[in-house]
Amino acid sequence: MPTNRTTIYRGIPASFGKFYGKALKIISSNHIILQTFIKEADIKVEVTKFLKALGRTKKELEAIISKKSMNQDIKDILVSQICMLDDPLLLDGVIKKIQENHENAALALFNTIDQISNKFTSLNDDYFSERAVDIRDIGRRIEDNLLGRKSDYNILPAIKEEVIIVAHELTPSQMIHIDKKMVKGIATEMGGKTGHMAILAKNYSIPTVVGLNKITSEIVDNEFILIDADQGFVIRNPVINQIKYYGSSSPIQAIQEEEVS
């Protein structure tokens, strides 16, 4: 809800820099999977659908990698995603669910990605938590190709004004497609300083803070916020003297502030 109260959200600095500007909330669309179970005669058809979607996804990634202007770090991230397409956890997991559980290709893919992602997240390890983001990202790419739909990240190159993106999480695919001139800051609830999203933010020199509790449920579109990715926080409704003197060597002194940890 809109409020005039100054609130500080503290997180983890992922890519240094500071900016004061409008918030743009990115809410990724939910998976809508028609849960149908197939007949024995349809198993081969559903496996073929999945393998074709896998092939289209691989070609998409290879096309992005082939661009001469592509940064090496970004290429490395996309190459790792291509490797995921051949991972038996994914490949065998989906085909097994189609063959043994008689799930259609979309449902089998969704359940397999969810299973792998939850397994990585449950390990309570930063590295595997970031890999969970990657597997969800590649799963969404395959799903889009399987269902023949456009991804929600297609809106990201069309941003018309300078903004600070506020999101639950941003995937590598979303990061690659953002308008680097218009996105002046990124604030997310999920992610770590060593994850692929953070690596891309550093390459693009976009101030980024991750691990910000409650930020997507409280900040609204078009309200002005201040991101300090040097110290690792976002200020909602900063007071005039915070904005006017921001960037000075002394710490910011907030007036009547509420802090969210």
C-alpha atoms as a PDB file:
ATOM      1  CA  MET A   1       0.000   0.000   0.000  1.00  0.00           C
ATOM      2  CA  PRO A   2       1.145   3.567  -0.629  1.00  0.00           C
ATOM      3  CA  THR A   3       2.556   5.326   2.424  1.00  0.00           C
ATOM      4  CA  ASN A   4       4.395   8.541   3.265  1.00  0.00           C
ATOM      5  CA  ARG A   5       6.481   6.884   5.949  1.00  0.00           C
ATOM      6  CA  THR A   6      10.190   6.443   5.306  1.00  0.00           C
ATOM      7  CA  THR A   7      11.129   2.752   5.316  1.00  0.00           C
ATOM      8  CA  ILE A   8      14.566   1.169   4.962  1.00  0.00           C
ATOM      9  CA  TYR A   9      14.915  -2.340   3.506  1.00  0.00           C
ATOM     10  CA  ARG A  10      18.297  -3.920   4.198  1.00  0.00           C
ATOM     11  CA  GLY A  11      19.781  -6.608   1.996  1.00  0.00           C
ATOM     12  CA  ILE A  12      23.016  -7.774   0.391  1.00  0.00           C
ATOM     13  CA  PRO A  13      25.015  -5.559  -2.007  1.00  0.00           C
ATOM     14  CA  ALA A  14      25.430  -7.465  -5.293  1.00  0.00           C
ATOM     15  CA  SER A  15      26.560  -4.744  -7.735  1.00  0.00           C
ATOM     16  CA  PHE A  16      27.750  -1.361  -6.497  1.00  0.00           C
ATOM     17  CA  GLY A  17      26.201   2.018  -7.219  1.00  0.00           C
ATOM     18  CA  LYS A  18      23.385   4.352  -6.146  1.00  0.00           C
ATOM     19  CA  PHE A  19      20.273   5.727  -7.782  1.00  0.00           C
ATOM     20  CA  TYR A  20      17.065   7.557  -6.893  1.00  0.00           C
ATOM     21  CA  GLY A  21      14.112   6.980  -9.182  1.00  0.00           C
ATOM     22  CA  LYS A  22      10.807   5.286  -9.980  1.00  0.00           C
ATOM     23  CA  ALA A  23      10.117   1.686  -8.998  1.00  0.00           C
ATOM     24  CA  LEU A  24       8.953  -0.799 -11.640  1.00  0.00           C
ATOM     25  CA  LYS A  25       7.650  -4.070 -10.187  1.00  0.00           C
ATOM     26  CA  ILE A  26       8.240  -7.180 -12.262  1.00  0.00           C
ATOM     27  CA  ILE A  27       5.831  -9.970 -11.388  1.00  0.00           C
ATOM     28  CA  SER A  28       6.595 -13.101 -13.405  1.00  0.00           C
ATOM     29  CA  SER A  29       3.533 -14.893 -14.687  1.00  0.00           C
ATOM     30  CA  ASN A  30       2.468 -18.041 -12.886  1.00  0.00           C
ATOM     31  CA  HIS A  31       2.768 -21.413 -14.553  1.00  0.00           C
ATOM     32  CA  ILE A  32      -0.577 -22.439 -15.972  1.00  0.00           C
ATOM     33  CA  ILE A  33      -0.386 -26.138 -16.739  1.00  0.00           C
ATOM     34  CA  LEU A  34      -3.418 -28.128 -17.784  1.00  0.00           C
ATOM     35  CA  GLN A  35      -3.029 -31.239 -15.651  1.00  0.00           C
ATOM     36  CA  THR A  36      -3.982 -33.973 -18.077  1.00  0.00           C
ATOM     37  CA  PHE A  37      -2.880 -37.564 -18.008  1.00  0.00           C
ATOM     38  CA  ILE A  38      -2.285 -39.288 -21.300  1.00  0.00           C
ATOM     39  CA  LYS A  39      -3.101 -42.656 -22.761  1.00  0.00           C
ATOM     40  CA  GLU A  40      -0.435 -45.251 -23.492  1.00  0.00           C
ATOM     41  CA  ALA A  41      -0.727 -44.501 -27.203  1.00  0.00           C
ATOM     42  CA  ASP A  42       0.145 -40.809 -26.612  1.00  0.00           C
ATOM     43  CA  ILE A  43       3.386 -41.376 -24.697  1.00  0.00           C
ATOM     44  CA  LYS A  44       5.630 -41.271 -27.775  1.00  0.00           C
ATOM     45  CA  VAL A  45       3.930 -38.068 -29.001  1.00  0.00           C
ATOM     46  CA  GLU A  46       4.460 -36.297 -25.661  1.00  0.00           C
ATOM     47  CA  VAL A  47       8.114 -37.390 -25.449  1.00  0.00           C
ATOM     48  CA  THR A  48       8.655 -36.063 -28.978  1.00  0.00           C
ATOM     49  CA  LYS A  49       7.017 -32.725 -28.037  1.00  0.00           C
ATOM     50  CA  PHE A  50       9.375 -32.388 -25.077  1.00  0.00           C
ATOM     51  CA  LEU A  51      12.496 -33.252 -27.096  1.00  0.00           C
ATOM     52  CA  LYS A  52      11.540 -30.750 -29.829  1.00  0.00           C
ATOM     53  CA  ALA A  53      11.032 -28.012 -27.213  1.00  0.00           C
ATOM     54  CA  LEU A  54      14.429 -28.933 -25.787  1.00  0.00           C
ATOM     55  CA  GLY A  55      15.984 -28.558 -29.239  1.00  0.00           C
ATOM     56  CA  ARG A  56      14.350 -25.162 -29.846  1.00  0.00           C
ATOM     57  CA  THR A  57      15.579 -23.950 -26.464  1.00  0.00           C
ATOM     58  CA  LYS A  58      19.121 -25.024 -27.285  1.00  0.00           C
ATOM     59  CA  LYS A  59      18.997 -23.149 -30.621  1.00  0.00           C
ATOM     60  CA  GLU A  60      17.711 -20.007 -28.850  1.00  0.00           C
ATOM     61  CA  LEU A  61      20.604 -20.037 -26.419  1.00  0.00           C
ATOM     62  CA  GLU A  62      23.167 -20.769 -29.131  1.00  0.00           C
ATOM     63  CA  ALA A  63      21.830 -17.829 -31.172  1.00  0.00           C
ATOM     64  CA  ILE A  64      22.321 -15.475 -28.224  1.00  0.00           C
ATOM     65  CA  ILE A  65      25.817 -16.835 -27.566  1.00  0.00           C
ATOM     66  CA  SER A  66      26.829 -16.339 -31.214  1.00  0.00           C
ATOM     67  CA  LYS A  67      26.380 -12.559 -31.024  1.00  0.00           C
ATOM     68  CA  LYS A  68      29.793 -10.884 -31.346  1.00  0.00           C
ATOM     69  CA  SER A  69      28.949  -8.240 -28.771  1.00  0.00           C
ATOM     70  CA  MET A  70      28.173 -10.826 -26.095  1.00  0.00           C
ATOM     71  CA  ASN A  71      30.294 -10.561 -22.938  1.00  0.00           C
ATOM     72  CA  GLN A  72      32.293 -13.684 -22.025  1.00  0.00           C
ATOM     73  CA  ASP A  73      30.731 -13.945 -18.561  1.00  0.00           C
ATOM     74  CA  ILE A  74      27.271 -13.929 -20.136  1.00  0.00           C
ATOM     75  CA  LYS A  75      28.352 -16.554 -22.664  1.00  0.00           C
ATOM     76  CA  ASP A  76      29.596 -18.763 -19.823  1.00  0.00           C
ATOM     77  CA  ILE A  77      26.232 -18.508 -18.063  1.00  0.00           C
ATOM     78  CA  LEU A  78      24.345 -19.450 -21.224  1.00  0.00           C
ATOM     79  CA  VAL A  79      26.729 -22.320 -21.964  1.00  0.00           C
ATOM     80  CA  SER A  80      26.007 -23.663 -18.462  1.00  0.00           C
ATOM     81  CA  GLN A  81      22.288 -23.493 -19.269  1.00  0.00           C
ATOM     82  CA  ILE A  82      22.853 -25.468 -22.478  1.00  0.00           C
ATOM     83  CA  CYS A  83      24.631 -28.105 -20.392  1.00  0.00           C
ATOM     84  CA  MET A  84      21.558 -28.314 -18.152  1.00  0.00           C
ATOM     85  CA  LEU A  85      19.493 -29.351 -21.179  1.00  0.00           C
ATOM     86  CA  ASP A  86      21.525 -32.572 -21.368  1.00  0.00           C
ATOM     87  CA  ASP A  87      21.503 -33.234 -17.618  1.00  0.00           C
ATOM     88  CA  PRO A  88      19.973 -36.670 -16.863  1.00  0.00           C
ATOM     89  CA  LEU A  89      18.186 -35.174 -13.832  1.00  0.00           C
ATOM     90  CA  LEU A  90      16.155 -33.060 -16.246  1.00  0.00           C
ATOM     91  CA  LEU A  91      16.072 -35.183 -19.395  1.00  0.00           C
ATOM     92  CA  ASP A  92      15.433 -38.578 -17.783  1.00  0.00           C
ATOM     93  CA  GLY A  93      13.223 -37.042 -15.101  1.00  0.00           C
ATOM     94  CA  VAL A  94      10.739 -35.611 -17.611  1.00  0.00           C
ATOM     95  CA  ILE A  95      10.701 -38.662 -19.884  1.00  0.00           C
ATOM     96  CA  LYS A  96      10.228 -40.999 -16.909  1.00  0.00           C
ATOM     97  CA  LYS A  97       7.216 -39.004 -15.699  1.00  0.00           C
ATOM     98  CA  ILE A  98       5.689 -39.147 -19.174  1.00  0.00           C
ATOM     99  CA  GLN A  99       6.313 -42.860 -19.581  1.00  0.00           C
ATOM    100  CA  GLU A 100       5.600 -44.125 -16.067  1.00  0.00           C
ATOM    101  CA  ASN A 101       3.152 -41.569 -14.627  1.00  0.00           C
ATOM    102  CA  HIS A 102       1.409 -40.878 -17.942  1.00  0.00           C
ATOM    103  CA  GLU A 103       1.807 -37.124 -17.406  1.00  0.00           C
ATOM    104  CA  ASN A 104       1.643 -34.893 -20.460  1.00  0.00           C
ATOM    105  CA  ALA A 105       4.903 -33.190 -21.463  1.00  0.00           C
ATOM    106  CA  ALA A 106       4.077 -29.810 -19.867  1.00  0.00           C
ATOM    107  CA  LEU A 107       3.051 -31.349 -16.546  1.00  0.00           C
ATOM    108  CA  ALA A 108       6.071 -33.699 -16.506  1.00  0.00           C
ATOM    109  CA  LEU A 109       8.407 -30.757 -17.175  1.00  0.00           C
ATOM    110  CA  PHE A 110       6.824 -28.593 -14.480  1.00  0.00           C
ATOM    111  CA  ASN A 111       6.979 -31.371 -11.860  1.00  0.00           C
ATOM    112  CA  THR A 112      10.583 -32.257 -12.724  1.00  0.00           C
ATOM    113  CA  ILE A 113      11.795 -28.643 -12.570  1.00  0.00           C
ATOM    114  CA  ASP A 114       9.929 -28.152  -9.292  1.00  0.00           C
ATOM    115  CA  GLN A 115      11.467 -31.322  -7.863  1.00  0.00           C
ATOM    116  CA  ILE A 116      15.038 -30.405  -8.828  1.00  0.00           C
ATOM    117  CA  SER A 117      14.638 -26.795  -7.701  1.00  0.00           C
ATOM    118  CA  ASN A 118      13.221 -27.776  -4.305  1.00  0.00           C
ATOM    119  CA  LYS A 119      16.004 -30.305  -3.811  1.00  0.00           C
ATOM    120  CA  PHE A 120      18.672 -27.652  -4.459  1.00  0.00           C
ATOM    121  CA  THR A 121      16.945 -25.092  -2.235  1.00  0.00           C
ATOM    122  CA  SER A 122      16.589 -27.560   0.653  1.00  0.00           C
ATOM    123  CA  LEU A 123      20.381 -27.929   0.871  1.00  0.00           C
ATOM    124  CA  ASN A 124      20.596 -24.442   2.468  1.00  0.00           C
ATOM    125  CA  ASP A 125      23.710 -23.644   0.477  1.00  0.00           C
ATOM    126  CA  ASP A 126      24.217 -20.407  -1.452  1.00  0.00           C
ATOM    127  CA  TYR A 127      25.699 -22.173  -4.474  1.00  0.00           C
ATOM    128  CA  PHE A 128      22.818 -24.636  -4.805  1.00  0.00           C
ATOM    129  CA  SER A 129      20.237 -21.922  -4.120  1.00  0.00           C
ATOM    130  CA  GLU A 130      21.597 -20.039  -7.136  1.00  0.00           C
ATOM    131  CA  ARG A 131      21.486 -23.224  -9.220  1.00  0.00           C
ATOM    132  CA  ALA A 132      17.817 -23.539  -8.250  1.00  0.00           C
ATOM    133  CA  VAL A 133      17.248 -20.140  -9.898  1.00  0.00           C
ATOM    134  CA  ASP A 134      19.069 -21.348 -13.016  1.00  0.00           C
ATOM    135  CA  ILE A 135      17.029 -24.551 -13.278  1.00  0.00           C
ATOM    136  CA  ARG A 136      13.769 -22.597 -12.933  1.00  0.00           C
ATOM    137  CA  ASP A 137      14.996 -20.231 -15.639  1.00  0.00           C
ATOM    138  CA  ILE A 138      15.850 -22.980 -18.113  1.00  0.00           C
ATOM    139  CA  GLY A 139      12.598 -24.740 -17.220  1.00  0.00           C
ATOM    140  CA  ARG A 140      10.632 -21.621 -18.143  1.00  0.00           C
ATOM    141  CA  ARG A 141      12.448 -21.378 -21.490  1.00  0.00           C
ATOM    142  CA  ILE A 142      11.626 -25.003 -22.328  1.00  0.00           C
ATOM    143  CA  GLU A 143       8.040 -24.535 -21.169  1.00  0.00           C
ATOM    144  CA  ASP A 144       7.586 -21.485 -23.403  1.00  0.00           C
ATOM    145  CA  ASN A 145       8.813 -23.456 -26.403  1.00  0.00           C
ATOM    146  CA  LEU A 146       6.686 -26.449 -25.453  1.00  0.00           C
ATOM    147  CA  LEU A 147       3.486 -24.406 -25.133  1.00  0.00           C
ATOM    148  CA  GLY A 148       4.306 -21.989 -27.967  1.00  0.00           C
ATOM    149  CA  ARG A 149       3.996 -18.821 -25.924  1.00  0.00           C
ATOM    150  CA  LYS A 150       6.019 -15.653 -25.483  1.00  0.00           C
ATOM    151  CA  SER A 151       7.961 -15.232 -22.257  1.00  0.00           C
ATOM    152  CA  ASP A 152       7.012 -12.536 -19.777  1.00  0.00           C
ATOM    153  CA  TYR A 153      10.571 -11.184 -19.970  1.00  0.00           C
ATOM    154  CA  ASN A 154       9.858  -9.943 -23.501  1.00  0.00           C
ATOM    155  CA  ILE A 155       8.522  -6.722 -21.957  1.00  0.00           C
ATOM    156  CA  LEU A 156      11.897  -5.884 -20.423  1.00  0.00           C
ATOM    157  CA  PRO A 157      13.535  -4.401 -23.564  1.00  0.00           C
ATOM    158  CA  ALA A 158      10.542  -2.050 -24.001  1.00  0.00           C
ATOM    159  CA  ILE A 159      10.945   0.051 -20.834  1.00  0.00           C
ATOM    160  CA  LYS A 160      10.421   3.720 -21.768  1.00  0.00           C
ATOM    161  CA  GLU A 161      11.882   5.559 -18.753  1.00  0.00           C
ATOM    162  CA  GLU A 162      14.625   5.189 -16.161  1.00  0.00           C
ATOM    163  CA  VAL A 163      13.499   2.810 -13.410  1.00  0.00           C
ATOM    164  CA  ILE A 164      14.610   0.695 -10.485  1.00  0.00           C
ATOM    165  CA  ILE A 165      13.293  -2.843 -10.985  1.00  0.00           C
ATOM    166  CA  VAL A 166      11.722  -4.417  -7.905  1.00  0.00           C
ATOM    167  CA  ALA A 167      11.117  -8.184  -8.112  1.00  0.00           C
ATOM    168  CA  HIS A 168      10.974 -11.393  -6.121  1.00  0.00           C
ATOM    169  CA  GLU A 169      13.817 -12.666  -8.290  1.00  0.00           C
ATOM    170  CA  LEU A 170      15.266 -12.023 -11.727  1.00  0.00           C
ATOM    171  CA  THR A 171      16.560 -14.884 -13.838  1.00  0.00           C
ATOM    172  CA  PRO A 172      19.561 -14.780 -16.190  1.00  0.00           C
ATOM    173  CA  SER A 173      17.162 -14.818 -19.173  1.00  0.00           C
ATOM    174  CA  GLN A 174      15.342 -11.765 -17.856  1.00  0.00           C
ATOM    175  CA  MET A 175      18.613  -9.981 -17.109  1.00  0.00           C
ATOM    176  CA  ILE A 176      19.939 -10.533 -20.633  1.00  0.00           C
ATOM    177  CA  HIS A 177      16.833  -8.937 -22.140  1.00  0.00           C
ATOM    178  CA  ILE A 178      16.566  -5.813 -19.969  1.00  0.00           C
ATOM    179  CA  ASP A 179      17.174  -2.361 -21.407  1.00  0.00           C
ATOM    180  CA  LYS A 180      20.521  -1.536 -19.808  1.00  0.00           C
ATOM    181  CA  LYS A 181      20.098   2.205 -20.450  1.00  0.00           C
ATOM    182  CA  MET A 182      16.735   2.449 -18.706  1.00  0.00           C
ATOM    183  CA  VAL A 183      17.236   0.057 -15.784  1.00  0.00           C
ATOM    184  CA  LYS A 184      19.190   2.081 -13.225  1.00  0.00           C
ATOM    185  CA  GLY A 185      18.842  -0.243 -10.257  1.00  0.00           C
ATOM    186  CA  ILE A 186      17.635  -3.717  -9.247  1.00  0.00           C
ATOM    187  CA  ALA A 187      16.149  -4.719  -5.891  1.00  0.00           C
ATOM    188  CA  THR A 188      15.126  -8.346  -5.297  1.00  0.00           C
ATOM    189  CA  GLU A 189      14.000 -10.536  -2.436  1.00  0.00           C
ATOM    190  CA  MET A 190      15.903 -13.587  -3.666  1.00  0.00           C
ATOM    191  CA  GLY A 191      19.430 -14.079  -4.977  1.00  0.00           C
ATOM    192  CA  GLY A 192      22.997 -13.895  -3.700  1.00  0.00           C
ATOM    193  CA  LYS A 193      26.078 -11.825  -4.416  1.00  0.00           C
ATOM    194  CA  THR A 194      27.742 -14.700  -6.323  1.00  0.00           C
ATOM    195  CA  GLY A 195      24.736 -15.743  -8.422  1.00  0.00           C
ATOM    196  CA  HIS A 196      24.357 -15.381 -12.162  1.00  0.00           C
ATOM    197  CA  MET A 197      21.967 -12.452 -11.789  1.00  0.00           C
ATOM    198  CA  ALA A 198      24.553 -10.595  -9.694  1.00  0.00           C
ATOM    199  CA  ILE A 199      27.302 -11.377 -12.225  1.00  0.00           C
ATOM    200  CA  LEU A 200      25.186  -9.937 -15.022  1.00  0.00           C
ATOM    201  CA  ALA A 201      24.287  -6.849 -12.982  1.00  0.00           C
ATOM    202  CA  LYS A 202      27.989  -6.181 -12.427  1.00  0.00           C
ATOM    203  CA  ASN A 203      28.686  -6.573 -16.148  1.00  0.00           C
ATOM    204  CA  TYR A 204      25.942  -4.070 -16.914  1.00  0.00           C
ATOM    205  CA  SER A 205      27.060  -1.747 -14.071  1.00  0.00           C
ATOM    206  CA  ILE A 206      23.546  -1.722 -12.592  1.00  0.00           C
ATOM    207  CA  PRO A 207      23.354  -1.024  -8.824  1.00  0.00           C
ATOM    208  CA  THR A 208      21.804  -4.163  -7.307  1.00  0.00           C
ATOM    209  CA  VAL A 209      20.712  -5.219  -3.831  1.00  0.00           C
ATOM    210  CA  VAL A 210      19.374  -8.732  -3.152  1.00  0.00           C
ATOM    211  CA  GLY A 211      17.837 -10.423  -0.118  1.00  0.00           C
ATOM    212  CA  LEU A 212      15.407  -7.569   0.608  1.00  0.00           C
ATOM    213  CA  ASN A 213      12.627  -8.845   2.851  1.00  0.00           C
ATOM    214  CA  LYS A 214       8.998  -7.852   2.012  1.00  0.00           C
ATOM    215  CA  ILE A 215       9.986  -5.362  -0.676  1.00  0.00           C
ATOM    216  CA  THR A 216       7.688  -6.680  -3.432  1.00  0.00           C
ATOM    217  CA  SER A 217       4.638  -6.770  -1.179  1.00  0.00           C
ATOM    218  CA  GLU A 218       5.084  -3.192   0.048  1.00  0.00           C
ATOM    219  CA  ILE A 219       6.592  -1.058  -2.724  1.00  0.00           C
ATOM    220  CA  VAL A 220       4.212  -0.078  -5.523  1.00  0.00           C
ATOM    221  CA  ASP A 221       4.805   0.867  -9.160  1.00  0.00           C
ATOM    222  CA  ASN A 222       5.923   4.426  -9.929  1.00  0.00           C
ATOM    223  CA  GLU A 223       6.744   5.463  -6.364  1.00  0.00           C
ATOM    224  CA  PHE A 224      10.211   6.935  -5.916  1.00  0.00           C
ATOM    225  CA  ILE A 225      12.777   4.894  -4.042  1.00  0.00           C
ATOM    226  CA  LEU A 226      16.475   5.231  -3.347  1.00  0.00           C
ATOM    227  CA  ILE A 227      18.816   2.279  -3.859  1.00  0.00           C
ATOM    228  CA  ASP A 228      22.252   2.190  -2.226  1.00  0.00           C
ATOM    229  CA  ALA A 229      24.026  -0.895  -3.508  1.00  0.00           C
ATOM    230  CA  ASP A 230      27.288   0.159  -1.854  1.00  0.00           C
ATOM    231  CA  GLN A 231      25.874  -0.306   1.634  1.00  0.00           C
ATOM    232  CA  GLY A 232      23.083  -2.713   0.702  1.00  0.00           C
ATOM    233  CA  PHE A 233      19.720  -1.075   1.269  1.00  0.00           C
ATOM    234  CA  VAL A 234      16.695   0.510  -0.383  1.00  0.00           C
ATOM    235  CA  ILE A 235      14.807   3.497   1.073  1.00  0.00           C
ATOM    236  CA  ARG A 236      11.111   3.936   0.399  1.00  0.00           C
ATOM    237  CA  ASN A 237       9.941   7.556   0.635  1.00  0.00           C
ATOM    238  CA  PRO A 238      13.357   9.046   1.447  1.00  0.00           C
ATOM    239  CA  VAL A 239      13.194  12.487   3.042  1.00  0.00           C
ATOM    240  CA  ILE A 240      14.454  15.588   1.216  1.00  0.00           C
ATOM    241  CA  ASN A 241      17.776  15.806   3.024  1.00  0.00           C
ATOM    242  CA  GLN A 242      18.491  12.136   2.255  1.00  0.00           C
ATOM    243  CA  ILE A 243      18.001  12.793  -1.450  1.00  0.00           C
ATOM    244  CA  LYS A 244      19.746  16.202  -1.454  1.00  0.00           C
ATOM    245  CA  TYR A 245      22.880  15.077   0.350  1.00  0.00           C
ATOM    246  CA  TYR A 246      22.984  11.526  -0.871  1.00  0.00           C
ATOM    247  CA  GLY A 247      26.401  10.340  -1.838  1.00  0.00           C
ATOM    248  CA  SER A 248      28.240  12.245   0.876  1.00  0.00           C
ATOM    249  CA  SER A 249      30.844  10.410   2.920  1.00  0.00           C
ATOM    250  CA  SER A 250      28.730  10.451   6.087  1.00  0.00           C
ATOM    251  CA  PRO A 251      26.080   7.755   6.651  1.00  0.00           C
ATOM    252  CA  ILE A 252      22.513   8.613   5.713  1.00  0.00           C
ATOM    253  CA  GLN A 253      20.501   9.862   8.708  1.00  0.00           C
ATOM    254  CA  ALA A 254      16.851   8.868   8.294  1.00  0.00           C
ATOM    255  CA  ILE A 255      14.112  10.902   9.938  1.00  0.00           C
ATOM    256  CA  GLN A 256      11.258   8.931  11.588  1.00  0.00           C
ATOM    257  CA  GLU A 257      12.218   5.837   9.687  1.00  0.00           C
ATOM    258  CA  GLU A 258      10.904   2.320   9.987  1.00  0.00           C
ATOM    259  CA  GLU A 259      13.452  -0.390   9.257  1.00  0.00           C
ATOM    260  CA  VAL A 260      12.543  -3.740   7.698  1.00  0.00           C
ATOM    261  CA  SER A 261      14.997  -6.543   8.358  1.00  0.00           C
END
